[in-house]
Amino acid sequence: MSFPLQGKLVDIGGRRIQLDCRGTGSPIVIFESGLDINGSLSWSAVHDEIAKTTRACAYSRAGIMWSDPKDGPQNAKTIAEDLHAALAAAGEKPPFVLVGHSLGGPYIMTYTNTLALM
């Protein structure tokens, strides 16, 4: 079974990351999924509701759902770098409120601690 693309594929230098941004306003809520294969779809129960009051973006990490796989290590730093590159390539600008589920928690902490001020 094939699932239609949600959002768009954003080129981050030879790879594409799926990013689904909805709504308008600030801050932009960024959803980071946990350790599963659902990617951005993990947030389907709340994505539209949050997008009623501000901009809300969910994405799928490298190799999950529509996003291209990544060669080399996948760790919190490389995942945070991919998210940063995808948001920048899509023209999404801070301020961001990052929301992580399960394993997504350490990923958003790494993003906040290393890339949020770039």
C-alpha atoms as a PDB file:
ATOM      1  CA  MET A   1       0.000   0.000   0.000  1.00  0.00           C
ATOM      2  CA  SER A   2       1.241   3.468  -0.878  1.00  0.00           C
ATOM      3  CA  PHE A   3       0.640   6.513   1.295  1.00  0.00           C
ATOM      4  CA  PRO A   4       0.323   9.905  -0.429  1.00  0.00           C
ATOM      5  CA  LEU A   5       2.982  12.423   0.497  1.00  0.00           C
ATOM      6  CA  GLN A   6       1.992  14.703   3.352  1.00  0.00           C
ATOM      7  CA  GLY A   7       3.534  18.167   2.983  1.00  0.00           C
ATOM      8  CA  LYS A   8       6.582  18.361   0.738  1.00  0.00           C
ATOM      9  CA  LEU A   9      10.043  16.926   0.198  1.00  0.00           C
ATOM     10  CA  VAL A  10      12.757  19.468   1.030  1.00  0.00           C
ATOM     11  CA  ASP A  11      16.206  19.099  -0.519  1.00  0.00           C
ATOM     12  CA  ILE A  12      18.959  19.307   2.093  1.00  0.00           C
ATOM     13  CA  GLY A  13      21.945  18.851  -0.181  1.00  0.00           C
ATOM     14  CA  GLY A  14      21.316  15.755  -2.257  1.00  0.00           C
ATOM     15  CA  ARG A  15      18.801  14.141   0.078  1.00  0.00           C
ATOM     16  CA  ARG A  16      15.164  14.967   0.659  1.00  0.00           C
ATOM     17  CA  ILE A  17      13.434  15.248   4.012  1.00  0.00           C
ATOM     18  CA  GLN A  18       9.640  15.170   4.230  1.00  0.00           C
ATOM     19  CA  LEU A  19       8.285  18.245   6.009  1.00  0.00           C
ATOM     20  CA  ASP A  20       4.599  18.909   6.606  1.00  0.00           C
ATOM     21  CA  CYS A  21       3.902  22.474   7.768  1.00  0.00           C
ATOM     22  CA  ARG A  22       0.370  23.757   8.266  1.00  0.00           C
ATOM     23  CA  GLY A  23      -1.247  26.889   9.604  1.00  0.00           C
ATOM     24  CA  THR A  24       0.155  30.350  10.173  1.00  0.00           C
ATOM     25  CA  GLY A  25       1.575  32.266  13.065  1.00  0.00           C
ATOM     26  CA  SER A  26       4.407  32.264  15.517  1.00  0.00           C
ATOM     27  CA  PRO A  27       6.025  30.515  17.245  1.00  0.00           C
ATOM     28  CA  ILE A  28       6.243  27.524  14.935  1.00  0.00           C
ATOM     29  CA  VAL A  29       5.596  24.235  16.714  1.00  0.00           C
ATOM     30  CA  ILE A  30       7.986  21.518  15.484  1.00  0.00           C
ATOM     31  CA  PHE A  31       6.964  17.914  16.168  1.00  0.00           C
ATOM     32  CA  GLU A  32       9.681  15.258  16.615  1.00  0.00           C
ATOM     33  CA  SER A  33       8.442  11.662  16.612  1.00  0.00           C
ATOM     34  CA  GLY A  34       9.674   8.856  18.806  1.00  0.00           C
ATOM     35  CA  LEU A  35      11.249   5.552  17.851  1.00  0.00           C
ATOM     36  CA  ASP A  36       8.741   4.312  15.302  1.00  0.00           C
ATOM     37  CA  ILE A  37       8.284   4.115  11.558  1.00  0.00           C
ATOM     38  CA  ASN A  38       5.383   6.572  11.349  1.00  0.00           C
ATOM     39  CA  GLY A  39       7.460   9.756  11.134  1.00  0.00           C
ATOM     40  CA  SER A  40       5.312  12.838  10.721  1.00  0.00           C
ATOM     41  CA  LEU A  41       2.153  10.732  10.820  1.00  0.00           C
ATOM     42  CA  SER A  42       2.812  10.115  14.531  1.00  0.00           C
ATOM     43  CA  TRP A  43       1.396  13.599  15.097  1.00  0.00           C
ATOM     44  CA  SER A  44      -1.778  13.265  13.003  1.00  0.00           C
ATOM     45  CA  ALA A  45      -4.038  13.409  16.068  1.00  0.00           C
ATOM     46  CA  VAL A  46      -2.782  16.873  17.092  1.00  0.00           C
ATOM     47  CA  HIS A  47      -1.184  18.439  14.012  1.00  0.00           C
ATOM     48  CA  ASP A  48      -4.307  20.079  12.575  1.00  0.00           C
ATOM     49  CA  GLU A  49      -5.549  21.193  15.983  1.00  0.00           C
ATOM     50  CA  ILE A  50      -2.292  23.046  16.754  1.00  0.00           C
ATOM     51  CA  ALA A  51      -2.262  24.491  13.212  1.00  0.00           C
ATOM     52  CA  LYS A  52      -5.569  26.239  13.979  1.00  0.00           C
ATOM     53  CA  THR A  53      -3.727  28.668  16.264  1.00  0.00           C
ATOM     54  CA  THR A  54      -0.130  28.790  14.950  1.00  0.00           C
ATOM     55  CA  ARG A  55       2.163  27.224  12.376  1.00  0.00           C
ATOM     56  CA  ALA A  56       2.872  23.553  13.055  1.00  0.00           C
ATOM     57  CA  CYS A  57       5.447  21.348  11.310  1.00  0.00           C
ATOM     58  CA  ALA A  58       5.948  17.602  11.543  1.00  0.00           C
ATOM     59  CA  TYR A  59       8.627  15.763   9.615  1.00  0.00           C
ATOM     60  CA  SER A  60      10.014  12.311   8.986  1.00  0.00           C
ATOM     61  CA  ARG A  61      13.646  11.607   9.833  1.00  0.00           C
ATOM     62  CA  ALA A  62      16.016  10.207   7.212  1.00  0.00           C
ATOM     63  CA  GLY A  63      14.909   6.797   5.964  1.00  0.00           C
ATOM     64  CA  ILE A  64      11.421   7.053   7.480  1.00  0.00           C
ATOM     65  CA  MET A  65       8.227   7.366   5.433  1.00  0.00           C
ATOM     66  CA  TRP A  66       8.954   9.661   2.456  1.00  0.00           C
ATOM     67  CA  SER A  67      12.372  10.933   3.566  1.00  0.00           C
ATOM     68  CA  ASP A  68      15.460   9.687   1.757  1.00  0.00           C
ATOM     69  CA  PRO A  69      17.855   7.487   3.747  1.00  0.00           C
ATOM     70  CA  LYS A  70      21.150   8.860   5.017  1.00  0.00           C
ATOM     71  CA  ASP A  71      24.546   7.263   4.583  1.00  0.00           C
ATOM     72  CA  GLY A  72      26.622   7.129   7.728  1.00  0.00           C
ATOM     73  CA  PRO A  73      25.651   7.363  11.355  1.00  0.00           C
ATOM     74  CA  GLN A  74      22.222   8.362  12.584  1.00  0.00           C
ATOM     75  CA  ASN A  75      22.556   9.916  16.009  1.00  0.00           C
ATOM     76  CA  ALA A  76      21.083  12.860  17.862  1.00  0.00           C
ATOM     77  CA  LYS A  77      23.556  15.306  16.300  1.00  0.00           C
ATOM     78  CA  THR A  78      22.987  14.218  12.689  1.00  0.00           C
ATOM     79  CA  ILE A  79      19.217  14.090  13.227  1.00  0.00           C
ATOM     80  CA  ALA A  80      19.248  17.619  14.663  1.00  0.00           C
ATOM     81  CA  GLU A  81      21.370  18.783  11.719  1.00  0.00           C
ATOM     82  CA  ASP A  82      18.887  17.271   9.240  1.00  0.00           C
ATOM     83  CA  LEU A  83      15.974  18.998  10.966  1.00  0.00           C
ATOM     84  CA  HIS A  84      17.845  22.304  10.995  1.00  0.00           C
ATOM     85  CA  ALA A  85      18.692  21.968   7.288  1.00  0.00           C
ATOM     86  CA  ALA A  86      15.109  21.018   6.367  1.00  0.00           C
ATOM     87  CA  LEU A  87      13.597  23.959   8.243  1.00  0.00           C
ATOM     88  CA  ALA A  88      16.090  26.368   6.701  1.00  0.00           C
ATOM     89  CA  ALA A  89      15.581  24.986   3.172  1.00  0.00           C
ATOM     90  CA  ALA A  90      11.809  25.329   3.596  1.00  0.00           C
ATOM     91  CA  GLY A  91      12.145  28.926   4.781  1.00  0.00           C
ATOM     92  CA  GLU A  92      10.778  28.211   8.264  1.00  0.00           C
ATOM     93  CA  LYS A  93      12.233  30.713  10.722  1.00  0.00           C
ATOM     94  CA  PRO A  94      12.376  30.790  14.538  1.00  0.00           C
ATOM     95  CA  PRO A  95      11.031  31.111  17.085  1.00  0.00           C
ATOM     96  CA  PHE A  96      10.354  27.388  17.362  1.00  0.00           C
ATOM     97  CA  VAL A  97       8.673  25.390  20.078  1.00  0.00           C
ATOM     98  CA  LEU A  98       9.983  21.846  19.812  1.00  0.00           C
ATOM     99  CA  VAL A  99       7.762  18.991  20.950  1.00  0.00           C
ATOM    100  CA  GLY A 100       9.273  15.522  21.197  1.00  0.00           C
ATOM    101  CA  HIS A 101       7.744  12.165  21.957  1.00  0.00           C
ATOM    102  CA  SER A 102       9.807   9.421  23.591  1.00  0.00           C
ATOM    103  CA  LEU A 103      13.161   9.221  21.758  1.00  0.00           C
ATOM    104  CA  GLY A 104      12.254  12.518  20.116  1.00  0.00           C
ATOM    105  CA  GLY A 105      12.965  14.190  23.480  1.00  0.00           C
ATOM    106  CA  PRO A 106      16.747  13.773  23.325  1.00  0.00           C
ATOM    107  CA  TYR A 107      16.707  14.795  19.658  1.00  0.00           C
ATOM    108  CA  ILE A 108      15.003  18.106  20.389  1.00  0.00           C
ATOM    109  CA  MET A 109      17.327  18.721  23.339  1.00  0.00           C
ATOM    110  CA  THR A 110      20.300  18.201  21.027  1.00  0.00           C
ATOM    111  CA  TYR A 111      18.758  20.583  18.498  1.00  0.00           C
ATOM    112  CA  THR A 112      18.140  23.186  21.192  1.00  0.00           C
ATOM    113  CA  ASN A 113      21.607  22.850  22.708  1.00  0.00           C
ATOM    114  CA  THR A 114      23.582  22.884  19.443  1.00  0.00           C
ATOM    115  CA  LEU A 115      21.620  24.459  16.597  1.00  0.00           C
ATOM    116  CA  ALA A 116      18.812  26.666  17.871  1.00  0.00           C
ATOM    117  CA  LEU A 117      20.917  29.820  17.947  1.00  0.00           C
ATOM    118  CA  MET A 118      22.381  29.395  14.449  1.00  0.00           C
END
